[in-house]
C-alpha cells in the first residue's frame, strides 16, 4: 500500500510541477462558464448580424434563450473537452517507458498491477474533478441567469456523459500499455471511437454503443428517456472493467 501511495503522489507532484494540473482545471472551468455565457450572448450576437443577414434575405425574429439551451450546449461541448483531456493524458505510460521508471519500480519490488491501478485511479480522479467542475460551473451560472429548472433532469445525462469519459480513459489506459508512444495510443483510441460511430449506422446495434451516452441534449430536450440508454450504459461499464483487467494482464507480461 505504501508503494501505491508513493507512486500516486509522484503522479500528482509531476503534474503540479509541470503546471498541467492548473492548465487542465482552468480549461474545464472555462468550458463551464462558456456554455451559459454563449447562450446568454446569442440574442445580442444575432442582433449585431441581423442587418447584414436581412440584406441577404434572411430575417431573424425575436430569439429567446433559456437554461435548456445552455445545457444542450454543455453536452455538445463535452466531446471537445474530453478530447483535450485525452491529449493531456495520452503519455501516461509512454513517458515512463522512455525514462525507464517502470524498470526501477519493478526491480525494487513494486507489483505491476499496483502501477496500473495507480495510473488509472490518478487519471480517474483528475477526470472526475475536471468534469464535475465544468458541470457545476454551468449549473451555477444557469441558475443565476435563469433560475433552477425543476422540470428538467440535468443529472442523469450528466452521469451518462461522465461514464462515457471513464470508458474513454479505460481504453486509453489499455492502449497506452500496448504501445510505447502517446501518438500510437491516441490513434488506437480515436480509431475505436470512430468504429463505434460507424457501427451506429446499423440500427439494431445503436442502443448498445457507449457513444450513445453522449447524446444528453436529447434527454434535456425531452426527445429521449433515460431508460433508452441502459444497454449502452451496461456495455460501457463492462468495457471499463474489462479494459482495466486486460491492462493489468498485458502489463504483467510486457517486457520493460
C-alpha atoms as a PDB file:
ATOM      1  CA  UNK A   1       0.000   0.000   0.000  1.00  0.00           C
ATOM      2  CA  UNK A   2       2.897   2.353   0.763  1.00  0.00           C
ATOM      3  CA  UNK A   3       4.273   1.786  -2.744  1.00  0.00           C
ATOM      4  CA  UNK A   4       0.861   2.524  -4.261  1.00  0.00           C
ATOM      5  CA  UNK A   5       0.517   5.783  -2.308  1.00  0.00           C
ATOM      6  CA  UNK A   6       4.091   6.834  -3.062  1.00  0.00           C
ATOM      7  CA  UNK A   7       3.643   6.229  -6.789  1.00  0.00           C
ATOM      8  CA  UNK A   8       0.321   8.113  -6.765  1.00  0.00           C
ATOM      9  CA  UNK A   9       1.970  11.060  -5.013  1.00  0.00           C
ATOM     10  CA  UNK A  10       4.665  11.076  -7.705  1.00  0.00           C
ATOM     11  CA  UNK A  11       1.958  11.311 -10.378  1.00  0.00           C
ATOM     12  CA  UNK A  12       0.275  14.296  -8.721  1.00  0.00           C
ATOM     13  CA  UNK A  13       3.529  16.099  -7.960  1.00  0.00           C
ATOM     14  CA  UNK A  14       4.656  15.667 -11.557  1.00  0.00           C
ATOM     15  CA  UNK A  15       1.507  17.336 -12.879  1.00  0.00           C
ATOM     16  CA  UNK A  16       1.639  20.126 -10.293  1.00  0.00           C
ATOM     17  CA  UNK A  17       5.274  20.951 -11.014  1.00  0.00           C
ATOM     18  CA  UNK A  18       4.775  20.889 -14.783  1.00  0.00           C
ATOM     19  CA  UNK A  19       1.723  23.157 -14.495  1.00  0.00           C
ATOM     20  CA  UNK A  20      -0.514  20.659 -16.318  1.00  0.00           C
ATOM     21  CA  UNK A  21      -2.891  20.334 -13.369  1.00  0.00           C
ATOM     22  CA  UNK A  22      -3.638  24.055 -13.227  1.00  0.00           C
ATOM     23  CA  UNK A  23      -3.971  24.300 -17.014  1.00  0.00           C
ATOM     24  CA  UNK A  24      -6.447  21.424 -17.349  1.00  0.00           C
ATOM     25  CA  UNK A  25      -8.554  22.717 -14.441  1.00  0.00           C
ATOM     26  CA  UNK A  26      -8.693  26.198 -15.963  1.00  0.00           C
ATOM     27  CA  UNK A  27      -9.691  24.758 -19.348  1.00  0.00           C
ATOM     28  CA  UNK A  28     -12.618  22.842 -17.871  1.00  0.00           C
ATOM     29  CA  UNK A  29     -13.623  25.853 -15.769  1.00  0.00           C
ATOM     30  CA  UNK A  30     -13.637  27.905 -18.963  1.00  0.00           C
ATOM     31  CA  UNK A  31     -15.850  25.322 -20.675  1.00  0.00           C
ATOM     32  CA  UNK A  32     -18.257  25.520 -17.732  1.00  0.00           C
ATOM     33  CA  UNK A  33     -18.508  29.301 -17.989  1.00  0.00           C
ATOM     34  CA  UNK A  34     -18.637  29.325 -21.780  1.00  0.00           C
ATOM     35  CA  UNK A  35     -21.870  27.291 -22.101  1.00  0.00           C
ATOM     36  CA  UNK A  36     -24.237  29.747 -20.319  1.00  0.00           C
ATOM     37  CA  UNK A  37     -22.237  32.779 -21.444  1.00  0.00           C
ATOM     38  CA  UNK A  38     -22.521  31.945 -25.152  1.00  0.00           C
ATOM     39  CA  UNK A  39     -26.198  31.095 -24.739  1.00  0.00           C
ATOM     40  CA  UNK A  40     -26.840  34.397 -22.960  1.00  0.00           C
ATOM     41  CA  UNK A  41     -24.961  36.334 -25.648  1.00  0.00           C
ATOM     42  CA  UNK A  42     -26.649  34.592 -28.600  1.00  0.00           C
ATOM     43  CA  UNK A  43     -29.565  37.115 -28.982  1.00  0.00           C
ATOM     44  CA  UNK A  44     -27.101  40.028 -28.829  1.00  0.00           C
ATOM     45  CA  UNK A  45     -24.827  38.406 -31.411  1.00  0.00           C
ATOM     46  CA  UNK A  46     -27.741  37.710 -33.726  1.00  0.00           C
ATOM     47  CA  UNK A  47     -28.882  41.318 -33.371  1.00  0.00           C
ATOM     48  CA  UNK A  48     -25.443  42.548 -34.437  1.00  0.00           C
ATOM     49  CA  UNK A  49     -25.615  40.459 -37.605  1.00  0.00           C
ATOM     50  CA  UNK A  50     -29.324  40.977 -38.278  1.00  0.00           C
ATOM     51  CA  UNK A  51     -28.822  43.858 -40.710  1.00  0.00           C
ATOM     52  CA  UNK A  52     -26.294  42.043 -42.889  1.00  0.00           C
ATOM     53  CA  UNK A  53     -28.454  38.917 -42.820  1.00  0.00           C
ATOM     54  CA  UNK A  54     -31.518  40.964 -43.752  1.00  0.00           C
ATOM     55  CA  UNK A  55     -29.632  42.301 -46.767  1.00  0.00           C
ATOM     56  CA  UNK A  56     -29.133  38.683 -47.804  1.00  0.00           C
ATOM     57  CA  UNK A  57     -32.840  37.978 -47.458  1.00  0.00           C
ATOM     58  CA  UNK A  58     -32.637  36.245 -44.079  1.00  0.00           C
ATOM     59  CA  UNK A  59     -34.992  37.659 -41.468  1.00  0.00           C
ATOM     60  CA  UNK A  60     -34.355  36.767 -37.826  1.00  0.00           C
ATOM     61  CA  UNK A  61     -37.213  37.120 -35.375  1.00  0.00           C
ATOM     62  CA  UNK A  62     -37.044  37.556 -31.625  1.00  0.00           C
ATOM     63  CA  UNK A  63     -34.888  34.881 -30.047  1.00  0.00           C
ATOM     64  CA  UNK A  64     -35.448  33.655 -26.506  1.00  0.00           C
ATOM     65  CA  UNK A  65     -32.756  31.716 -24.691  1.00  0.00           C
ATOM     66  CA  UNK A  66     -33.070  29.669 -21.524  1.00  0.00           C
ATOM     67  CA  UNK A  67     -31.241  27.150 -19.343  1.00  0.00           C
ATOM     68  CA  UNK A  68     -32.313  24.248 -21.568  1.00  0.00           C
ATOM     69  CA  UNK A  69     -30.386  25.736 -24.484  1.00  0.00           C
ATOM     70  CA  UNK A  70     -27.363  26.213 -22.229  1.00  0.00           C
ATOM     71  CA  UNK A  71     -27.469  22.588 -21.067  1.00  0.00           C
ATOM     72  CA  UNK A  72     -27.796  21.378 -24.633  1.00  0.00           C
ATOM     73  CA  UNK A  73     -24.702  23.431 -25.458  1.00  0.00           C
ATOM     74  CA  UNK A  74     -22.957  21.828 -22.476  1.00  0.00           C
ATOM     75  CA  UNK A  75     -23.470  18.314 -23.818  1.00  0.00           C
ATOM     76  CA  UNK A  76     -22.388  19.348 -27.284  1.00  0.00           C
ATOM     77  CA  UNK A  77     -19.113  20.639 -25.806  1.00  0.00           C
ATOM     78  CA  UNK A  78     -18.407  17.527 -23.718  1.00  0.00           C
ATOM     79  CA  UNK A  79     -16.674  15.674 -26.615  1.00  0.00           C
ATOM     80  CA  UNK A  80     -14.339  18.614 -27.215  1.00  0.00           C
ATOM     81  CA  UNK A  81     -13.461  18.814 -23.523  1.00  0.00           C
ATOM     82  CA  UNK A  82     -12.847  15.062 -23.489  1.00  0.00           C
ATOM     83  CA  UNK A  83     -10.535  15.292 -26.499  1.00  0.00           C
ATOM     84  CA  UNK A  84      -8.464  17.949 -24.723  1.00  0.00           C
ATOM     85  CA  UNK A  85      -8.294  15.789 -21.605  1.00  0.00           C
ATOM     86  CA  UNK A  86      -7.097  12.718 -23.505  1.00  0.00           C
ATOM     87  CA  UNK A  87      -4.421  14.768 -25.266  1.00  0.00           C
ATOM     88  CA  UNK A  88      -3.104  15.786 -21.852  1.00  0.00           C
ATOM     89  CA  UNK A  89      -3.239  12.178 -20.603  1.00  0.00           C
ATOM     90  CA  UNK A  90      -2.005  10.321 -23.685  1.00  0.00           C
ATOM     91  CA  UNK A  91       1.553   9.991 -22.389  1.00  0.00           C
ATOM     92  CA  UNK A  92       0.731   8.395 -19.019  1.00  0.00           C
ATOM     93  CA  UNK A  93       2.740   5.265 -19.888  1.00  0.00           C
ATOM     94  CA  UNK A  94       4.894   6.358 -22.828  1.00  0.00           C
ATOM     95  CA  UNK A  95       6.827   8.924 -20.765  1.00  0.00           C
ATOM     96  CA  UNK A  96       7.571   6.245 -18.151  1.00  0.00           C
ATOM     97  CA  UNK A  97       8.758   3.837 -20.850  1.00  0.00           C
ATOM     98  CA  UNK A  98      11.179   6.469 -22.155  1.00  0.00           C
ATOM     99  CA  UNK A  99      12.566   7.277 -18.714  1.00  0.00           C
ATOM    100  CA  UNK A 100      12.823   3.630 -17.651  1.00  0.00           C
ATOM    101  CA  UNK A 101      10.843   4.390 -14.479  1.00  0.00           C
ATOM    102  CA  UNK A 102       8.961   1.104 -14.564  1.00  0.00           C
ATOM    103  CA  UNK A 103      12.162  -0.946 -14.578  1.00  0.00           C
ATOM    104  CA  UNK A 104      13.359   0.755 -11.388  1.00  0.00           C
ATOM    105  CA  UNK A 105       9.985   0.326  -9.685  1.00  0.00           C
ATOM    106  CA  UNK A 106       9.608  -3.347 -10.574  1.00  0.00           C
ATOM    107  CA  UNK A 107      13.175  -4.232  -9.562  1.00  0.00           C
ATOM    108  CA  UNK A 108      12.525  -2.569  -6.189  1.00  0.00           C
ATOM    109  CA  UNK A 109       9.581  -4.917  -5.622  1.00  0.00           C
ATOM    110  CA  UNK A 110       6.524  -2.915  -6.699  1.00  0.00           C
ATOM    111  CA  UNK A 111       3.842  -5.124  -8.204  1.00  0.00           C
ATOM    112  CA  UNK A 112       2.902  -4.286 -11.758  1.00  0.00           C
ATOM    113  CA  UNK A 113      -0.832  -4.347 -11.031  1.00  0.00           C
ATOM    114  CA  UNK A 114      -0.278  -1.593  -8.461  1.00  0.00           C
ATOM    115  CA  UNK A 115       1.333   0.572 -11.146  1.00  0.00           C
ATOM    116  CA  UNK A 116      -1.671   0.109 -13.454  1.00  0.00           C
ATOM    117  CA  UNK A 117      -4.211   0.815 -10.720  1.00  0.00           C
ATOM    118  CA  UNK A 118      -2.281   3.859  -9.502  1.00  0.00           C
ATOM    119  CA  UNK A 119      -2.250   5.262 -13.048  1.00  0.00           C
ATOM    120  CA  UNK A 120      -5.957   4.581 -13.534  1.00  0.00           C
ATOM    121  CA  UNK A 121      -7.010   5.953 -10.134  1.00  0.00           C
ATOM    122  CA  UNK A 122      -4.957   9.094 -10.754  1.00  0.00           C
ATOM    123  CA  UNK A 123      -6.476   9.786 -14.171  1.00  0.00           C
ATOM    124  CA  UNK A 124      -9.958   8.834 -12.913  1.00  0.00           C
ATOM    125  CA  UNK A 125      -9.783  11.309 -10.004  1.00  0.00           C
ATOM    126  CA  UNK A 126      -8.497  14.061 -12.285  1.00  0.00           C
ATOM    127  CA  UNK A 127     -11.222  13.365 -14.863  1.00  0.00           C
ATOM    128  CA  UNK A 128     -13.890  13.345 -12.141  1.00  0.00           C
ATOM    129  CA  UNK A 129     -12.754  16.685 -10.708  1.00  0.00           C
ATOM    130  CA  UNK A 130     -12.487  18.314 -14.146  1.00  0.00           C
ATOM    131  CA  UNK A 131     -15.812  17.056 -15.459  1.00  0.00           C
ATOM    132  CA  UNK A 132     -17.895  17.926 -12.404  1.00  0.00           C
ATOM    133  CA  UNK A 133     -16.134  21.275 -12.121  1.00  0.00           C
ATOM    134  CA  UNK A 134     -17.376  22.034 -15.636  1.00  0.00           C
ATOM    135  CA  UNK A 135     -20.831  20.625 -14.854  1.00  0.00           C
ATOM    136  CA  UNK A 136     -21.454  22.554 -11.625  1.00  0.00           C
ATOM    137  CA  UNK A 137     -19.966  25.755 -13.044  1.00  0.00           C
ATOM    138  CA  UNK A 138     -22.532  25.576 -15.837  1.00  0.00           C
ATOM    139  CA  UNK A 139     -25.215  24.682 -13.278  1.00  0.00           C
ATOM    140  CA  UNK A 140     -24.329  27.703 -11.107  1.00  0.00           C
ATOM    141  CA  UNK A 141     -24.388  30.176 -14.000  1.00  0.00           C
ATOM    142  CA  UNK A 142     -27.606  28.700 -15.411  1.00  0.00           C
ATOM    143  CA  UNK A 143     -29.231  29.066 -12.006  1.00  0.00           C
ATOM    144  CA  UNK A 144     -28.011  32.667 -11.772  1.00  0.00           C
ATOM    145  CA  UNK A 145     -29.253  33.648 -15.231  1.00  0.00           C
ATOM    146  CA  UNK A 146     -32.487  31.679 -15.486  1.00  0.00           C
ATOM    147  CA  UNK A 147     -33.124  30.010 -12.137  1.00  0.00           C
ATOM    148  CA  UNK A 148     -33.242  26.289 -11.371  1.00  0.00           C
ATOM    149  CA  UNK A 149     -35.458  24.339 -13.783  1.00  0.00           C
ATOM    150  CA  UNK A 150     -37.165  21.675 -11.662  1.00  0.00           C
ATOM    151  CA  UNK A 151     -38.908  20.083 -14.639  1.00  0.00           C
ATOM    152  CA  UNK A 152     -35.619  19.184 -16.381  1.00  0.00           C
ATOM    153  CA  UNK A 153     -33.391  16.414 -15.033  1.00  0.00           C
ATOM    154  CA  UNK A 154     -29.835  17.534 -15.775  1.00  0.00           C
ATOM    155  CA  UNK A 155     -28.138  14.951 -13.553  1.00  0.00           C
ATOM    156  CA  UNK A 156     -28.988  11.752 -15.441  1.00  0.00           C
ATOM    157  CA  UNK A 157     -27.464  12.883 -18.758  1.00  0.00           C
ATOM    158  CA  UNK A 158     -24.583  14.330 -16.741  1.00  0.00           C
ATOM    159  CA  UNK A 159     -23.817  10.915 -15.255  1.00  0.00           C
ATOM    160  CA  UNK A 160     -24.105   9.252 -18.667  1.00  0.00           C
ATOM    161  CA  UNK A 161     -21.563  11.620 -20.207  1.00  0.00           C
ATOM    162  CA  UNK A 162     -19.270  11.088 -17.233  1.00  0.00           C
ATOM    163  CA  UNK A 163     -19.421   7.300 -17.667  1.00  0.00           C
ATOM    164  CA  UNK A 164     -18.511   7.732 -21.329  1.00  0.00           C
ATOM    165  CA  UNK A 165     -15.486   9.754 -20.240  1.00  0.00           C
ATOM    166  CA  UNK A 166     -14.404   6.916 -17.929  1.00  0.00           C
ATOM    167  CA  UNK A 167     -14.974   4.483 -20.814  1.00  0.00           C
ATOM    168  CA  UNK A 168     -12.577   6.510 -22.988  1.00  0.00           C
ATOM    169  CA  UNK A 169      -9.973   6.685 -20.210  1.00  0.00           C
ATOM    170  CA  UNK A 170     -10.122   2.912 -19.657  1.00  0.00           C
ATOM    171  CA  UNK A 171      -9.471   2.334 -23.366  1.00  0.00           C
ATOM    172  CA  UNK A 172      -6.659   4.898 -23.307  1.00  0.00           C
ATOM    173  CA  UNK A 173      -5.112   3.087 -20.336  1.00  0.00           C
ATOM    174  CA  UNK A 174      -5.110  -0.188 -22.250  1.00  0.00           C
ATOM    175  CA  UNK A 175      -3.756   1.284 -25.488  1.00  0.00           C
ATOM    176  CA  UNK A 176      -1.066   3.192 -23.573  1.00  0.00           C
ATOM    177  CA  UNK A 177       0.283  -0.069 -22.140  1.00  0.00           C
ATOM    178  CA  UNK A 178       0.253  -1.800 -25.518  1.00  0.00           C
ATOM    179  CA  UNK A 179       2.066   0.983 -27.401  1.00  0.00           C
ATOM    180  CA  UNK A 180       5.208   2.831 -26.344  1.00  0.00           C
ATOM    181  CA  UNK A 181       4.272   6.195 -27.864  1.00  0.00           C
ATOM    182  CA  UNK A 182       1.417   8.511 -26.988  1.00  0.00           C
ATOM    183  CA  UNK A 183       0.706   9.114 -30.687  1.00  0.00           C
ATOM    184  CA  UNK A 184       0.046   5.424 -31.287  1.00  0.00           C
ATOM    185  CA  UNK A 185      -2.182   5.033 -28.222  1.00  0.00           C
ATOM    186  CA  UNK A 186      -4.227   8.109 -29.154  1.00  0.00           C
ATOM    187  CA  UNK A 187      -4.529   6.805 -32.722  1.00  0.00           C
ATOM    188  CA  UNK A 188      -5.861   3.468 -31.447  1.00  0.00           C
ATOM    189  CA  UNK A 189      -8.286   5.314 -29.188  1.00  0.00           C
ATOM    190  CA  UNK A 190      -9.522   7.568 -31.977  1.00  0.00           C
ATOM    191  CA  UNK A 191      -9.933   4.566 -34.264  1.00  0.00           C
ATOM    192  CA  UNK A 192     -12.028   2.759 -31.639  1.00  0.00           C
ATOM    193  CA  UNK A 193     -14.356   5.735 -31.200  1.00  0.00           C
ATOM    194  CA  UNK A 194     -14.714   6.092 -34.977  1.00  0.00           C
ATOM    195  CA  UNK A 195     -15.628   2.391 -35.221  1.00  0.00           C
ATOM    196  CA  UNK A 196     -18.350   2.950 -32.608  1.00  0.00           C
ATOM    197  CA  UNK A 197     -19.786   5.826 -34.646  1.00  0.00           C
ATOM    198  CA  UNK A 198     -19.677   3.744 -37.832  1.00  0.00           C
ATOM    199  CA  UNK A 199     -21.476   0.888 -36.063  1.00  0.00           C
ATOM    200  CA  UNK A 200     -24.074   3.467 -35.070  1.00  0.00           C
ATOM    201  CA  UNK A 201     -25.223   3.440 -38.694  1.00  0.00           C
ATOM    202  CA  UNK A 202     -26.615  -0.064 -38.060  1.00  0.00           C
ATOM    203  CA  UNK A 203     -29.992   0.466 -36.312  1.00  0.00           C
ATOM    204  CA  UNK A 204     -30.086  -2.781 -34.237  1.00  0.00           C
ATOM    205  CA  UNK A 205     -26.632  -2.021 -32.789  1.00  0.00           C
ATOM    206  CA  UNK A 206     -27.148   1.631 -31.832  1.00  0.00           C
ATOM    207  CA  UNK A 207     -28.682   1.060 -28.409  1.00  0.00           C
ATOM    208  CA  UNK A 208     -25.649  -0.968 -27.290  1.00  0.00           C
ATOM    209  CA  UNK A 209     -22.957   1.550 -28.262  1.00  0.00           C
ATOM    210  CA  UNK A 210     -21.255   3.594 -25.489  1.00  0.00           C
ATOM    211  CA  UNK A 211     -21.156   6.609 -27.826  1.00  0.00           C
ATOM    212  CA  UNK A 212     -24.924   6.913 -27.261  1.00  0.00           C
ATOM    213  CA  UNK A 213     -24.143   8.140 -23.755  1.00  0.00           C
ATOM    214  CA  UNK A 214     -23.019  11.442 -25.270  1.00  0.00           C
ATOM    215  CA  UNK A 215     -26.489  12.377 -26.517  1.00  0.00           C
ATOM    216  CA  UNK A 216     -27.501  14.006 -23.246  1.00  0.00           C
ATOM    217  CA  UNK A 217     -29.021  17.006 -25.021  1.00  0.00           C
ATOM    218  CA  UNK A 218     -31.799  14.713 -26.267  1.00  0.00           C
ATOM    219  CA  UNK A 219     -32.786  13.931 -22.673  1.00  0.00           C
ATOM    220  CA  UNK A 220     -32.675  17.629 -21.803  1.00  0.00           C
ATOM    221  CA  UNK A 221     -34.793  18.409 -24.861  1.00  0.00           C
ATOM    222  CA  UNK A 222     -37.333  15.757 -23.871  1.00  0.00           C
ATOM    223  CA  UNK A 223     -36.936  13.659 -27.043  1.00  0.00           C
ATOM    224  CA  UNK A 224     -35.326  10.669 -25.248  1.00  0.00           C
ATOM    225  CA  UNK A 225     -35.826   8.949 -21.903  1.00  0.00           C
ATOM    226  CA  UNK A 226     -33.046   7.764 -19.593  1.00  0.00           C
ATOM    227  CA  UNK A 227     -34.234   4.156 -19.944  1.00  0.00           C
ATOM    228  CA  UNK A 228     -33.180   4.199 -23.613  1.00  0.00           C
ATOM    229  CA  UNK A 229     -29.520   4.338 -22.520  1.00  0.00           C
ATOM    230  CA  UNK A 230     -29.447   1.412 -20.092  1.00  0.00           C
ATOM    231  CA  UNK A 231     -27.994  -1.079 -22.591  1.00  0.00           C
ATOM    232  CA  UNK A 232     -25.231   1.266 -23.763  1.00  0.00           C
ATOM    233  CA  UNK A 233     -24.503   2.101 -20.111  1.00  0.00           C
ATOM    234  CA  UNK A 234     -24.105  -1.587 -19.244  1.00  0.00           C
ATOM    235  CA  UNK A 235     -21.818  -2.157 -22.239  1.00  0.00           C
ATOM    236  CA  UNK A 236     -19.670   0.831 -21.229  1.00  0.00           C
ATOM    237  CA  UNK A 237     -19.320  -0.473 -17.654  1.00  0.00           C
ATOM    238  CA  UNK A 238     -18.348  -3.937 -18.914  1.00  0.00           C
ATOM    239  CA  UNK A 239     -15.743  -2.450 -21.269  1.00  0.00           C
ATOM    240  CA  UNK A 240     -14.336  -0.286 -18.447  1.00  0.00           C
ATOM    241  CA  UNK A 241     -13.912  -3.305 -16.175  1.00  0.00           C
ATOM    242  CA  UNK A 242     -12.536  -5.462 -18.991  1.00  0.00           C
ATOM    243  CA  UNK A 243     -10.072  -2.778 -20.085  1.00  0.00           C
ATOM    244  CA  UNK A 244      -8.617  -2.324 -16.597  1.00  0.00           C
ATOM    245  CA  UNK A 245      -8.321  -6.087 -16.053  1.00  0.00           C
ATOM    246  CA  UNK A 246      -6.905  -6.559 -19.551  1.00  0.00           C
ATOM    247  CA  UNK A 247      -4.376  -3.757 -18.978  1.00  0.00           C
ATOM    248  CA  UNK A 248      -3.116  -5.480 -15.821  1.00  0.00           C
ATOM    249  CA  UNK A 249      -2.857  -8.793 -17.688  1.00  0.00           C
ATOM    250  CA  UNK A 250      -0.914  -7.230 -20.590  1.00  0.00           C
ATOM    251  CA  UNK A 251       1.373  -5.156 -18.377  1.00  0.00           C
ATOM    252  CA  UNK A 252       2.248  -8.199 -16.257  1.00  0.00           C
ATOM    253  CA  UNK A 253       3.618  -9.887 -19.393  1.00  0.00           C
ATOM    254  CA  UNK A 254       5.104  -6.868 -21.115  1.00  0.00           C
ATOM    255  CA  UNK A 255       8.856  -6.571 -21.423  1.00  0.00           C
ATOM    256  CA  UNK A 256      10.014  -3.339 -19.881  1.00  0.00           C
END
